[in-house]
């Protein structure tokens, strides 16, 4: 019998978990901050479900505008630095 191969988590799932750890928040605390359920955060971190564009924008804000990590989340929402320069 072959062992089932375990798929690696998507990069966005790992980055969400790292951001939450950097903010020293539990999944429940992050969920409350974002207006989603703790189960949603758990599923994001496991790579089961991906946040909505608005969720990514909020994650970028939590990462901090001066932090390059914010652009990872904002680009997942479809925003790019060049978009802001054009405004």
N, C-alpha and C. Protein backbone atom coordinates (compact mmCIF):
# COMPACT_ATOMS: atom_id res chain seq x y z
N UNK A 1 0.85 -1.18 0.00
CA UNK A 1 0.00 0.00 0.00
C UNK A 1 0.90 1.24 0.00
N UNK A 2 0.62 2.17 -0.87
CA UNK A 2 1.41 3.40 -0.98
C UNK A 2 0.96 4.42 0.05
N UNK A 3 1.94 5.08 0.62
CA UNK A 3 1.62 6.15 1.57
C UNK A 3 1.13 7.36 0.79
N UNK A 4 0.13 8.01 1.30
CA UNK A 4 -0.40 9.21 0.65
C UNK A 4 0.66 10.32 0.74
N UNK A 5 0.87 11.00 -0.36
CA UNK A 5 1.84 12.10 -0.35
C UNK A 5 1.17 13.34 0.20
N UNK A 6 1.88 13.98 1.08
CA UNK A 6 1.35 15.18 1.72
C UNK A 6 1.77 16.39 0.89
N UNK A 7 0.81 17.19 0.50
CA UNK A 7 1.11 18.38 -0.29
C UNK A 7 1.60 19.50 0.62
N UNK A 8 2.55 20.24 0.11
CA UNK A 8 3.06 21.39 0.87
C UNK A 8 1.99 22.47 0.94
N UNK A 9 2.01 23.21 2.03
CA UNK A 9 1.08 24.32 2.16
C UNK A 9 1.46 25.41 1.17
N UNK A 10 0.47 26.14 0.68
CA UNK A 10 0.78 27.28 -0.19
C UNK A 10 1.55 28.35 0.59
N UNK A 11 2.33 29.13 -0.14
CA UNK A 11 3.14 30.18 0.49
C UNK A 11 2.27 31.15 1.27
N UNK A 12 1.10 31.48 0.73
CA UNK A 12 0.24 32.45 1.42
C UNK A 12 -0.20 31.91 2.78
N UNK A 13 -0.40 30.61 2.90
CA UNK A 13 -0.82 30.03 4.18
C UNK A 13 0.29 30.18 5.22
N UNK A 14 1.51 29.90 4.80
CA UNK A 14 2.66 30.04 5.70
C UNK A 14 2.85 31.49 6.11
N UNK A 15 2.68 32.41 5.17
CA UNK A 15 2.88 33.83 5.48
C UNK A 15 1.82 34.35 6.45
N UNK A 16 0.60 33.86 6.33
CA UNK A 16 -0.46 34.27 7.26
C UNK A 16 -0.11 33.78 8.67
N UNK A 17 0.32 32.53 8.77
CA UNK A 17 0.69 31.99 10.07
C UNK A 17 1.87 32.77 10.67
N UNK A 18 2.87 33.10 9.86
CA UNK A 18 4.02 33.86 10.34
C UNK A 18 3.62 35.27 10.79
N UNK A 19 2.71 35.90 10.06
CA UNK A 19 2.24 37.22 10.45
C UNK A 19 1.53 37.15 11.79
N UNK A 20 0.67 36.15 11.95
CA UNK A 20 -0.06 36.01 13.21
C UNK A 20 0.91 35.80 14.37
N UNK A 21 1.93 34.99 14.15
CA UNK A 21 2.94 34.75 15.19
C UNK A 21 3.70 36.04 15.50
N UNK A 22 4.05 36.80 14.46
CA UNK A 22 4.78 38.06 14.67
C UNK A 22 3.93 39.06 15.46
N UNK A 23 2.62 39.00 15.27
CA UNK A 23 1.71 39.89 15.99
C UNK A 23 1.37 39.35 17.38
N UNK A 24 1.88 38.16 17.69
CA UNK A 24 1.63 37.49 18.98
C UNK A 24 0.14 37.36 19.25
N UNK A 25 -0.59 36.90 18.23
CA UNK A 25 -2.04 36.72 18.35
C UNK A 25 -2.39 35.25 18.19
N UNK A 26 -3.46 34.86 18.85
CA UNK A 26 -4.02 33.54 18.62
C UNK A 26 -4.86 33.60 17.34
N UNK A 27 -5.26 32.45 16.85
CA UNK A 27 -6.14 32.44 15.68
C UNK A 27 -7.44 33.17 15.99
N UNK A 28 -7.93 33.02 17.19
CA UNK A 28 -9.17 33.69 17.59
C UNK A 28 -8.99 35.20 17.60
N UNK A 29 -7.88 35.67 18.14
CA UNK A 29 -7.63 37.12 18.19
C UNK A 29 -7.50 37.71 16.80
N UNK A 30 -6.78 37.01 15.91
CA UNK A 30 -6.65 37.49 14.54
C UNK A 30 -8.00 37.50 13.85
N UNK A 31 -8.77 36.45 14.08
CA UNK A 31 -10.11 36.37 13.48
C UNK A 31 -10.98 37.54 13.91
N UNK A 32 -10.95 37.86 15.19
CA UNK A 32 -11.74 38.99 15.70
C UNK A 32 -11.30 40.29 15.05
N UNK A 33 -9.99 40.47 14.90
CA UNK A 33 -9.44 41.68 14.28
C UNK A 33 -9.90 41.82 12.83
N UNK A 34 -10.04 40.69 12.14
CA UNK A 34 -10.41 40.69 10.72
C UNK A 34 -11.91 40.54 10.48
N UNK A 35 -12.66 40.25 11.52
CA UNK A 35 -14.11 40.07 11.37
C UNK A 35 -14.48 38.76 10.69
N UNK A 36 -13.67 37.72 10.95
CA UNK A 36 -13.96 36.38 10.42
C UNK A 36 -13.95 35.40 11.59
N UNK A 37 -14.27 34.15 11.32
CA UNK A 37 -14.26 33.15 12.38
C UNK A 37 -12.84 32.61 12.59
N UNK A 38 -12.61 32.07 13.78
CA UNK A 38 -11.33 31.44 14.06
C UNK A 38 -11.12 30.24 13.14
N UNK A 39 -12.21 29.57 12.76
CA UNK A 39 -12.12 28.45 11.83
C UNK A 39 -11.62 28.92 10.47
N UNK A 40 -12.02 30.11 10.04
CA UNK A 40 -11.55 30.65 8.76
C UNK A 40 -10.03 30.85 8.81
N UNK A 41 -9.53 31.41 9.90
CA UNK A 41 -8.09 31.62 10.04
C UNK A 41 -7.37 30.27 10.05
N UNK A 42 -7.90 29.30 10.74
CA UNK A 42 -7.31 27.97 10.78
C UNK A 42 -7.23 27.37 9.37
N UNK A 43 -8.29 27.52 8.62
CA UNK A 43 -8.31 26.98 7.25
C UNK A 43 -7.35 27.72 6.35
N UNK A 44 -7.19 29.03 6.55
CA UNK A 44 -6.20 29.78 5.77
C UNK A 44 -4.81 29.25 6.06
N UNK A 45 -4.49 29.10 7.34
CA UNK A 45 -3.15 28.67 7.73
C UNK A 45 -2.83 27.25 7.29
N UNK A 46 -3.84 26.42 7.16
CA UNK A 46 -3.63 25.06 6.67
C UNK A 46 -3.65 24.99 5.15
N UNK A 47 -4.00 26.11 4.50
CA UNK A 47 -4.03 26.14 3.03
C UNK A 47 -5.28 25.53 2.43
N UNK A 48 -6.31 25.37 3.24
CA UNK A 48 -7.56 24.77 2.76
C UNK A 48 -8.39 25.81 2.01
N UNK A 49 -8.52 26.98 2.59
CA UNK A 49 -9.25 28.10 1.98
C UNK A 49 -8.32 29.30 1.94
N UNK A 50 -8.51 30.13 0.93
CA UNK A 50 -7.72 31.35 0.79
C UNK A 50 -8.57 32.54 1.18
N UNK A 51 -7.97 33.54 1.83
CA UNK A 51 -8.74 34.74 2.19
C UNK A 51 -9.28 35.45 0.95
N UNK A 52 -10.32 36.22 1.16
CA UNK A 52 -10.86 37.07 0.09
C UNK A 52 -9.89 38.22 -0.15
N UNK A 53 -10.12 38.98 -1.20
CA UNK A 53 -9.28 40.14 -1.49
C UNK A 53 -9.31 41.12 -0.31
N UNK A 54 -10.49 41.33 0.26
CA UNK A 54 -10.57 42.26 1.39
C UNK A 54 -9.82 41.71 2.60
N UNK A 55 -9.83 40.40 2.77
CA UNK A 55 -9.07 39.78 3.86
C UNK A 55 -7.58 40.00 3.66
N UNK A 56 -7.11 39.86 2.43
CA UNK A 56 -5.69 40.10 2.15
C UNK A 56 -5.32 41.57 2.40
N UNK A 57 -6.21 42.47 2.04
CA UNK A 57 -5.93 43.90 2.27
C UNK A 57 -5.81 44.16 3.77
N UNK A 58 -6.72 43.59 4.55
CA UNK A 58 -6.66 43.75 6.01
C UNK A 58 -5.39 43.13 6.59
N UNK A 59 -4.98 41.97 6.07
CA UNK A 59 -3.74 41.33 6.53
C UNK A 59 -2.54 42.23 6.23
N UNK A 60 -2.56 42.87 5.06
CA UNK A 60 -1.48 43.79 4.71
C UNK A 60 -1.42 44.98 5.65
N UNK A 61 -2.58 45.48 6.02
CA UNK A 61 -2.62 46.60 6.97
C UNK A 61 -2.06 46.17 8.32
N UNK A 62 -2.39 44.96 8.75
CA UNK A 62 -1.86 44.47 10.02
C UNK A 62 -0.35 44.26 9.96
N UNK A 63 0.15 43.88 8.79
CA UNK A 63 1.59 43.69 8.62
C UNK A 63 2.33 45.01 8.78
N UNK A 64 1.66 46.10 8.42
CA UNK A 64 2.26 47.43 8.56
C UNK A 64 2.69 47.98 7.22
N UNK A 65 2.27 49.19 6.94
CA UNK A 65 2.52 49.81 5.64
C UNK A 65 4.01 49.94 5.36
N UNK A 66 4.83 50.19 6.36
CA UNK A 66 6.26 50.32 6.15
C UNK A 66 6.97 48.99 5.99
N UNK A 67 6.26 47.90 6.18
CA UNK A 67 6.82 46.56 6.13
C UNK A 67 6.62 45.99 4.73
N UNK A 68 7.67 45.41 4.15
CA UNK A 68 7.54 44.85 2.80
C UNK A 68 6.55 43.69 2.77
N UNK A 69 6.30 43.08 3.92
CA UNK A 69 5.34 41.97 3.99
C UNK A 69 3.93 42.42 3.58
N UNK A 70 3.61 43.69 3.81
CA UNK A 70 2.27 44.17 3.45
C UNK A 70 2.04 43.99 1.95
N UNK A 71 3.09 44.18 1.15
CA UNK A 71 2.92 44.07 -0.30
C UNK A 71 2.69 42.64 -0.76
N UNK A 72 3.17 41.67 -0.01
CA UNK A 72 2.85 40.29 -0.36
C UNK A 72 1.34 40.09 -0.28
N UNK A 73 0.74 40.52 0.84
CA UNK A 73 -0.70 40.34 1.02
C UNK A 73 -1.50 41.19 0.04
N UNK A 74 -1.07 42.44 -0.14
CA UNK A 74 -1.81 43.32 -1.06
C UNK A 74 -1.72 42.82 -2.50
N UNK A 75 -0.60 42.24 -2.89
CA UNK A 75 -0.50 41.72 -4.26
C UNK A 75 -1.42 40.52 -4.43
N UNK A 76 -1.65 39.74 -3.36
CA UNK A 76 -2.59 38.62 -3.44
C UNK A 76 -4.01 39.15 -3.68
N UNK A 77 -4.26 40.40 -3.25
CA UNK A 77 -5.57 41.02 -3.46
C UNK A 77 -5.65 41.70 -4.83
N UNK A 78 -4.52 41.69 -5.55
CA UNK A 78 -4.50 42.30 -6.88
C UNK A 78 -3.97 43.72 -6.90
N UNK A 79 -3.46 44.20 -5.76
CA UNK A 79 -2.90 45.55 -5.71
C UNK A 79 -1.39 45.49 -5.92
N UNK A 80 -0.86 46.50 -6.58
CA UNK A 80 0.57 46.58 -6.82
C UNK A 80 1.04 48.00 -6.56
N UNK A 81 2.32 48.14 -6.24
CA UNK A 81 2.88 49.46 -5.94
C UNK A 81 2.62 50.43 -7.08
N UNK A 82 2.72 49.96 -8.31
CA UNK A 82 2.51 50.83 -9.46
C UNK A 82 1.08 51.37 -9.51
N UNK A 83 0.12 50.61 -9.00
CA UNK A 83 -1.26 51.08 -8.95
C UNK A 83 -1.38 52.31 -8.07
N UNK A 84 -0.68 52.31 -6.95
CA UNK A 84 -0.74 53.44 -6.03
C UNK A 84 -0.02 54.66 -6.60
N UNK A 85 1.06 54.42 -7.32
CA UNK A 85 1.80 55.52 -7.93
C UNK A 85 0.96 56.23 -8.98
N UNK A 86 0.08 55.48 -9.64
CA UNK A 86 -0.76 56.04 -10.69
C UNK A 86 -1.92 56.85 -10.16
N UNK A 87 -2.20 56.73 -8.85
CA UNK A 87 -3.33 57.47 -8.27
C UNK A 87 -2.97 58.87 -8.01
